[in-house]
Amino acid sequence: MIGWETEWKFDVGEDADLPELPGVAIDERRVRLEAIYWDTADLALLGWGATLRYRSASDGSECGWTLKLGQSG
């Protein structure tokens, strides 16, 4: 079985208040993420709706490769 993920990202001001989220723990640490995206010279991955990236975090919590494949159909 293949699992699909949906990712939502939001940019809010530094003074924004988060709503109450029952059962969700909020971690207010600041972490710098750096990502490098890779593709072939003819951008074949992009054409297929796929991305390949290497991402690292300033606190060492993340360091590795991610391949996301486009959804077909």
PDB file of N, CA and C in Angstrom:
ATOM      1  N   MET A   1       0.839  -1.184   0.000  1.00  0.00           N
ATOM      2  CA  MET A   1       0.000   0.000   0.000  1.00  0.00           C
ATOM      3  C   MET A   1       0.882   1.245   0.000  1.00  0.00           C
ATOM      4  N   ILE A   2       0.502   2.210  -0.786  1.00  0.00           N
ATOM      5  CA  ILE A   2       1.226   3.477  -0.854  1.00  0.00           C
ATOM      6  C   ILE A   2       0.432   4.516  -0.080  1.00  0.00           C
ATOM      7  N   GLY A   3       1.106   5.243   0.797  1.00  0.00           N
ATOM      8  CA  GLY A   3       0.452   6.315   1.541  1.00  0.00           C
ATOM      9  C   GLY A   3       0.708   7.659   0.884  1.00  0.00           C
ATOM     10  N   TRP A   4      -0.270   8.522   0.901  1.00  0.00           N
ATOM     11  CA  TRP A   4      -0.132   9.866   0.341  1.00  0.00           C
ATOM     12  C   TRP A   4      -0.154  10.864   1.480  1.00  0.00           C
ATOM     13  N   GLU A   5       0.534  11.927   1.290  1.00  0.00           N
ATOM     14  CA  GLU A   5       0.552  12.965   2.321  1.00  0.00           C
ATOM     15  C   GLU A   5       0.048  14.263   1.721  1.00  0.00           C
ATOM     16  N   THR A   6      -0.583  15.037   2.540  1.00  0.00           N
ATOM     17  CA  THR A   6      -0.985  16.384   2.178  1.00  0.00           C
ATOM     18  C   THR A   6      -0.263  17.319   3.126  1.00  0.00           C
ATOM     19  N   GLU A   7       0.382  18.317   2.575  1.00  0.00           N
ATOM     20  CA  GLU A   7       1.166  19.240   3.392  1.00  0.00           C
ATOM     21  C   GLU A   7       0.632  20.648   3.204  1.00  0.00           C
ATOM     22  N   TRP A   8       0.360  21.314   4.302  1.00  0.00           N
ATOM     23  CA  TRP A   8      -0.104  22.699   4.277  1.00  0.00           C
ATOM     24  C   TRP A   8       0.929  23.544   4.995  1.00  0.00           C
ATOM     25  N   LYS A   9       1.289  24.662   4.407  1.00  0.00           N
ATOM     26  CA  LYS A   9       2.238  25.577   5.042  1.00  0.00           C
ATOM     27  C   LYS A   9       1.600  26.954   5.091  1.00  0.00           C
ATOM     28  N   PHE A  10       1.800  27.632   6.211  1.00  0.00           N
ATOM     29  CA  PHE A  10       1.226  28.955   6.403  1.00  0.00           C
ATOM     30  C   PHE A  10       2.298  29.917   6.891  1.00  0.00           C
ATOM     31  N   ASP A  11       2.321  31.094   6.338  1.00  0.00           N
ATOM     32  CA  ASP A  11       3.198  32.152   6.833  1.00  0.00           C
ATOM     33  C   ASP A  11       2.330  33.123   7.625  1.00  0.00           C
ATOM     34  N   VAL A  12       2.712  33.340   8.867  1.00  0.00           N
ATOM     35  CA  VAL A  12       1.977  34.283   9.711  1.00  0.00           C
ATOM     36  C   VAL A  12       2.978  35.234  10.349  1.00  0.00           C
ATOM     37  N   GLY A  13       2.481  36.347  10.803  1.00  0.00           N
ATOM     38  CA  GLY A  13       3.330  37.327  11.465  1.00  0.00           C
ATOM     39  C   GLY A  13       3.853  36.811  12.792  1.00  0.00           C
ATOM     40  N   GLU A  14       4.967  37.394  13.226  1.00  0.00           N
ATOM     41  CA  GLU A  14       5.586  36.975  14.493  1.00  0.00           C
ATOM     42  C   GLU A  14       4.666  37.181  15.693  1.00  0.00           C
ATOM     43  N   ASP A  15       3.727  38.116  15.583  1.00  0.00           N
ATOM     44  CA  ASP A  15       2.832  38.412  16.704  1.00  0.00           C
ATOM     45  C   ASP A  15       1.515  37.639  16.621  1.00  0.00           C
ATOM     46  N   ALA A  16       1.395  36.711  15.692  1.00  0.00           N
ATOM     47  CA  ALA A  16       0.156  35.946  15.525  1.00  0.00           C
ATOM     48  C   ALA A  16      -0.053  35.012  16.714  1.00  0.00           C
ATOM     49  N   ASP A  17      -1.297  34.891  17.138  1.00  0.00           N
ATOM     50  CA  ASP A  17      -1.664  33.959  18.206  1.00  0.00           C
ATOM     51  C   ASP A  17      -2.216  32.690  17.577  1.00  0.00           C
ATOM     52  N   LEU A  18      -1.699  31.545  18.037  1.00  0.00           N
ATOM     53  CA  LEU A  18      -2.208  30.273  17.544  1.00  0.00           C
ATOM     54  C   LEU A  18      -3.530  29.958  18.222  1.00  0.00           C
ATOM     55  N   PRO A  19      -4.466  29.374  17.481  1.00  0.00           N
ATOM     56  CA  PRO A  19      -5.734  28.976  18.112  1.00  0.00           C
ATOM     57  C   PRO A  19      -5.505  27.775  19.031  1.00  0.00           C
ATOM     58  N   GLU A  20      -6.463  27.512  19.901  1.00  0.00           N
ATOM     59  CA  GLU A  20      -6.394  26.331  20.756  1.00  0.00           C
ATOM     60  C   GLU A  20      -6.503  25.095  19.869  1.00  0.00           C
ATOM     61  N   LEU A  21      -5.571  24.168  20.034  1.00  0.00           N
ATOM     62  CA  LEU A  21      -5.566  22.934  19.259  1.00  0.00           C
ATOM     63  C   LEU A  21      -5.533  21.759  20.234  1.00  0.00           C
ATOM     64  N   PRO A  22      -6.697  21.314  20.680  1.00  0.00           N
ATOM     65  CA  PRO A  22      -6.737  20.237  21.674  1.00  0.00           C
ATOM     66  C   PRO A  22      -5.976  18.998  21.192  1.00  0.00           C
ATOM     67  N   GLY A  23      -5.112  18.482  22.058  1.00  0.00           N
ATOM     68  CA  GLY A  23      -4.367  17.279  21.745  1.00  0.00           C
ATOM     69  C   GLY A  23      -3.118  17.507  20.900  1.00  0.00           C
ATOM     70  N   VAL A  24      -2.817  18.771  20.590  1.00  0.00           N
ATOM     71  CA  VAL A  24      -1.646  19.080  19.772  1.00  0.00           C
ATOM     72  C   VAL A  24      -0.621  19.810  20.626  1.00  0.00           C
ATOM     73  N   ALA A  25       0.600  19.306  20.635  1.00  0.00           N
ATOM     74  CA  ALA A  25       1.684  19.952  21.380  1.00  0.00           C
ATOM     75  C   ALA A  25       2.357  20.975  20.472  1.00  0.00           C
ATOM     76  N   ILE A  26       2.612  22.152  20.981  1.00  0.00           N
ATOM     77  CA  ILE A  26       3.262  23.214  20.216  1.00  0.00           C
ATOM     78  C   ILE A  26       4.717  23.320  20.673  1.00  0.00           C
ATOM     79  N   ASP A  27       5.623  23.259  19.710  1.00  0.00           N
ATOM     80  CA  ASP A  27       7.052  23.398  19.989  1.00  0.00           C
ATOM     81  C   ASP A  27       7.487  24.730  19.390  1.00  0.00           C
ATOM     82  N   GLU A  28       7.894  25.656  20.230  1.00  0.00           N
ATOM     83  CA  GLU A  28       8.189  27.006  19.759  1.00  0.00           C
ATOM     84  C   GLU A  28       9.666  27.250  19.472  1.00  0.00           C
ATOM     85  N   ARG A  29      10.461  26.175  19.380  1.00  0.00           N
ATOM     86  CA  ARG A  29      11.865  26.357  19.005  1.00  0.00           C
ATOM     87  C   ARG A  29      11.955  26.882  17.579  1.00  0.00           C
ATOM     88  N   ARG A  30      13.000  27.630  17.327  1.00  0.00           N
ATOM     89  CA  ARG A  30      13.251  28.104  15.962  1.00  0.00           C
ATOM     90  C   ARG A  30      14.330  27.223  15.354  1.00  0.00           C
ATOM     91  N   VAL A  31      14.044  26.739  14.163  1.00  0.00           N
ATOM     92  CA  VAL A  31      14.972  25.869  13.451  1.00  0.00           C
ATOM     93  C   VAL A  31      15.089  26.379  12.018  1.00  0.00           C
ATOM     94  N   ARG A  32      16.306  26.516  11.561  1.00  0.00           N
ATOM     95  CA  ARG A  32      16.524  26.932  10.174  1.00  0.00           C
ATOM     96  C   ARG A  32      16.621  25.679   9.314  1.00  0.00           C
ATOM     97  N   LEU A  33      15.785  25.605   8.266  1.00  0.00           N
ATOM     98  CA  LEU A  33      15.813  24.498   7.326  1.00  0.00           C
ATOM     99  C   LEU A  33      16.481  24.967   6.042  1.00  0.00           C
ATOM    100  N   GLU A  34      17.344  24.134   5.511  1.00  0.00           N
ATOM    101  CA  GLU A  34      17.984  24.428   4.234  1.00  0.00           C
ATOM    102  C   GLU A  34      17.707  23.257   3.303  1.00  0.00           C
ATOM    103  N   ALA A  35      17.168  23.554   2.121  1.00  0.00           N
ATOM    104  CA  ALA A  35      16.825  22.500   1.168  1.00  0.00           C
ATOM    105  C   ALA A  35      17.476  22.778  -0.175  1.00  0.00           C
ATOM    106  N   ILE A  36      17.973  21.707  -0.775  1.00  0.00           N
ATOM    107  CA  ILE A  36      18.521  21.773  -2.130  1.00  0.00           C
ATOM    108  C   ILE A  36      17.712  20.797  -2.972  1.00  0.00           C
ATOM    109  N   TYR A  37      17.111  21.306  -4.042  1.00  0.00           N
ATOM    110  CA  TYR A  37      16.313  20.475  -4.925  1.00  0.00           C
ATOM    111  C   TYR A  37      17.154  20.042  -6.119  1.00  0.00           C
ATOM    112  N   TRP A  38      16.993  18.788  -6.532  1.00  0.00           N
ATOM    113  CA  TRP A  38      17.762  18.203  -7.615  1.00  0.00           C
ATOM    114  C   TRP A  38      16.813  17.768  -8.736  1.00  0.00           C
ATOM    115  N   ASP A  39      17.300  17.831  -9.958  1.00  0.00           N
ATOM    116  CA  ASP A  39      16.535  17.372 -11.118  1.00  0.00           C
ATOM    117  C   ASP A  39      17.522  17.045 -12.227  1.00  0.00           C
ATOM    118  N   THR A  40      17.045  16.482 -13.288  1.00  0.00           N
ATOM    119  CA  THR A  40      17.885  16.210 -14.446  1.00  0.00           C
ATOM    120  C   THR A  40      18.033  17.495 -15.250  1.00  0.00           C
ATOM    121  N   ALA A  41      18.974  17.509 -16.187  1.00  0.00           N
ATOM    122  CA  ALA A  41      19.212  18.707 -16.999  1.00  0.00           C
ATOM    123  C   ALA A  41      17.969  19.123 -17.779  1.00  0.00           C
ATOM    124  N   ASP A  42      17.156  18.149 -18.183  1.00  0.00           N
ATOM    125  CA  ASP A  42      15.945  18.479 -18.952  1.00  0.00           C
ATOM    126  C   ASP A  42      14.698  18.595 -18.070  1.00  0.00           C
ATOM    127  N   LEU A  43      14.892  18.677 -16.758  1.00  0.00           N
ATOM    128  CA  LEU A  43      13.810  18.850 -15.768  1.00  0.00           C
ATOM    129  C   LEU A  43      12.752  17.745 -15.853  1.00  0.00           C
ATOM    130  N   ALA A  44      13.218  16.527 -16.075  1.00  0.00           N
ATOM    131  CA  ALA A  44      12.304  15.392 -16.196  1.00  0.00           C
ATOM    132  C   ALA A  44      11.493  15.153 -14.919  1.00  0.00           C
ATOM    133  N   LEU A  45      12.127  15.262 -13.748  1.00  0.00           N
ATOM    134  CA  LEU A  45      11.382  15.054 -12.498  1.00  0.00           C
ATOM    135  C   LEU A  45      10.239  16.048 -12.370  1.00  0.00           C
ATOM    136  N   LEU A  46      10.530  17.304 -12.626  1.00  0.00           N
ATOM    137  CA  LEU A  46       9.494  18.336 -12.565  1.00  0.00           C
ATOM    138  C   LEU A  46       8.363  18.015 -13.541  1.00  0.00           C
ATOM    139  N   GLY A  47       8.733  17.576 -14.732  1.00  0.00           N
ATOM    140  CA  GLY A  47       7.725  17.215 -15.735  1.00  0.00           C
ATOM    141  C   GLY A  47       6.827  16.078 -15.299  1.00  0.00           C
ATOM    142  N   TRP A  48       7.356  15.172 -14.484  1.00  0.00           N
ATOM    143  CA  TRP A  48       6.574  14.058 -13.960  1.00  0.00           C
ATOM    144  C   TRP A  48       5.816  14.436 -12.689  1.00  0.00           C
ATOM    145  N   GLY A  49       5.983  15.665 -12.230  1.00  0.00           N
ATOM    146  CA  GLY A  49       5.330  16.094 -10.992  1.00  0.00           C
ATOM    147  C   GLY A  49       6.032  15.575  -9.756  1.00  0.00           C
ATOM    148  N   ALA A  50       7.328  15.260  -9.868  1.00  0.00           N
ATOM    149  CA  ALA A  50       8.091  14.713  -8.747  1.00  0.00           C
ATOM    150  C   ALA A  50       9.133  15.728  -8.286  1.00  0.00           C
ATOM    151  N   THR A  51       9.533  15.623  -7.018  1.00  0.00           N
ATOM    152  CA  THR A  51      10.621  16.449  -6.500  1.00  0.00           C
ATOM    153  C   THR A  51      11.587  15.570  -5.729  1.00  0.00           C
ATOM    154  N   LEU A  52      12.855  15.903  -5.825  1.00  0.00           N
ATOM    155  CA  LEU A  52      13.912  15.229  -5.081  1.00  0.00           C
ATOM    156  C   LEU A  52      14.692  16.313  -4.372  1.00  0.00           C
ATOM    157  N   ARG A  53      14.762  16.217  -3.045  1.00  0.00           N
ATOM    158  CA  ARG A  53      15.472  17.256  -2.299  1.00  0.00           C
ATOM    159  C   ARG A  53      16.323  16.642  -1.203  1.00  0.00           C
ATOM    160  N   TYR A  54      17.339  17.428  -0.825  1.00  0.00           N
ATOM    161  CA  TYR A  54      18.140  17.125   0.353  1.00  0.00           C
ATOM    162  C   TYR A  54      17.895  18.260   1.329  1.00  0.00           C
ATOM    163  N   ARG A  55      17.469  17.947   2.542  1.00  0.00           N
ATOM    164  CA  ARG A  55      17.159  18.997   3.515  1.00  0.00           C
ATOM    165  C   ARG A  55      17.885  18.728   4.818  1.00  0.00           C
ATOM    166  N   SER A  56      18.375  19.812   5.431  1.00  0.00           N
ATOM    167  CA  SER A  56      19.017  19.715   6.739  1.00  0.00           C
ATOM    168  C   SER A  56      18.458  20.807   7.644  1.00  0.00           C
ATOM    169  N   ALA A  57      18.509  20.530   8.948  1.00  0.00           N
ATOM    170  CA  ALA A  57      17.997  21.465   9.946  1.00  0.00           C
ATOM    171  C   ALA A  57      19.143  21.956  10.818  1.00  0.00           C
ATOM    172  N   SER A  58      19.065  23.210  11.244  1.00  0.00           N
ATOM    173  CA  SER A  58      20.126  23.819  12.047  1.00  0.00           C
ATOM    174  C   SER A  58      20.330  23.125  13.388  1.00  0.00           C
ATOM    175  N   ASP A  59      19.297  22.455  13.899  1.00  0.00           N
ATOM    176  CA  ASP A  59      19.426  21.779  15.190  1.00  0.00           C
ATOM    177  C   ASP A  59      19.744  20.294  15.041  1.00  0.00           C
ATOM    178  N   GLY A  60      19.993  19.835  13.805  1.00  0.00           N
ATOM    179  CA  GLY A  60      20.320  18.437  13.573  1.00  0.00           C
ATOM    180  C   GLY A  60      19.137  17.495  13.600  1.00  0.00           C
ATOM    181  N   SER A  61      17.922  18.018  13.749  1.00  0.00           N
ATOM    182  CA  SER A  61      16.743  17.167  13.847  1.00  0.00           C
ATOM    183  C   SER A  61      16.366  16.537  12.513  1.00  0.00           C
ATOM    184  N   GLU A  62      16.877  17.084  11.445  1.00  0.00           N
ATOM    185  CA  GLU A  62      16.556  16.551  10.131  1.00  0.00           C
ATOM    186  C   GLU A  62      17.770  16.667   9.234  1.00  0.00           C
ATOM    187  N   CYS A  63      18.047  15.608   8.517  1.00  0.00           N
ATOM    188  CA  CYS A  63      19.158  15.619   7.575  1.00  0.00           C
ATOM    189  C   CYS A  63      18.953  14.425   6.659  1.00  0.00           C
ATOM    190  N   GLY A  64      18.510  14.679   5.440  1.00  0.00           N
ATOM    191  CA  GLY A  64      18.315  13.543   4.549  1.00  0.00           C
ATOM    192  C   GLY A  64      17.591  13.899   3.269  1.00  0.00           C
ATOM    193  N   TRP A  65      17.372  12.861   2.494  1.00  0.00           N
ATOM    194  CA  TRP A  65      16.753  12.965   1.174  1.00  0.00           C
ATOM    195  C   TRP A  65      15.255  12.711   1.262  1.00  0.00           C
ATOM    196  N   THR A  66      14.488  13.401   0.403  1.00  0.00           N
ATOM    197  CA  THR A  66      13.053  13.165   0.263  1.00  0.00           C
ATOM    198  C   THR A  66      12.717  13.123  -1.206  1.00  0.00           C
ATOM    199  N   LEU A  67      12.012  12.085  -1.620  1.00  0.00           N
ATOM    200  CA  LEU A  67      11.500  11.969  -2.981  1.00  0.00           C
ATOM    201  C   LEU A  67       9.992  11.991  -2.899  1.00  0.00           C
ATOM    202  N   LYS A  68       9.377  12.957  -3.555  1.00  0.00           N
ATOM    203  CA  LYS A  68       7.918  13.032  -3.616  1.00  0.00           C
ATOM    204  C   LYS A  68       7.514  12.786  -5.056  1.00  0.00           C
ATOM    205  N   LEU A  69       6.632  11.800  -5.240  1.00  0.00           N
ATOM    206  CA  LEU A  69       6.166  11.441  -6.567  1.00  0.00           C
ATOM    207  C   LEU A  69       4.828  12.086  -6.835  1.00  0.00           C
ATOM    208  N   GLY A  70       4.639  12.568  -8.065  1.00  0.00           N
ATOM    209  CA  GLY A  70       3.375  13.193  -8.440  1.00  0.00           C
ATOM    210  C   GLY A  70       2.245  12.185  -8.403  1.00  0.00           C
ATOM    211  N   GLN A  71       1.060  12.646  -8.094  1.00  0.00           N
ATOM    212  CA  GLN A  71      -0.107  11.784  -8.100  1.00  0.00           C
ATOM    213  C   GLN A  71      -0.594  11.618  -9.531  1.00  0.00           C
ATOM    214  N   SER A  72      -0.873  10.413  -9.900  1.00  0.00           N
ATOM    215  CA  SER A  72      -1.350  10.173 -11.269  1.00  0.00           C
ATOM    216  C   SER A  72      -2.868  10.200 -11.311  1.00  0.00           C
ATOM    217  N   GLY A  73      -3.353  10.524 -12.498  1.00  0.00           N
ATOM    218  CA  GLY A  73      -4.787  10.449 -12.738  1.00  0.00           C
ATOM    219  C   GLY A  73      -5.518  11.612 -12.312  1.00  0.00           C
TER     220      GLY A  73
END
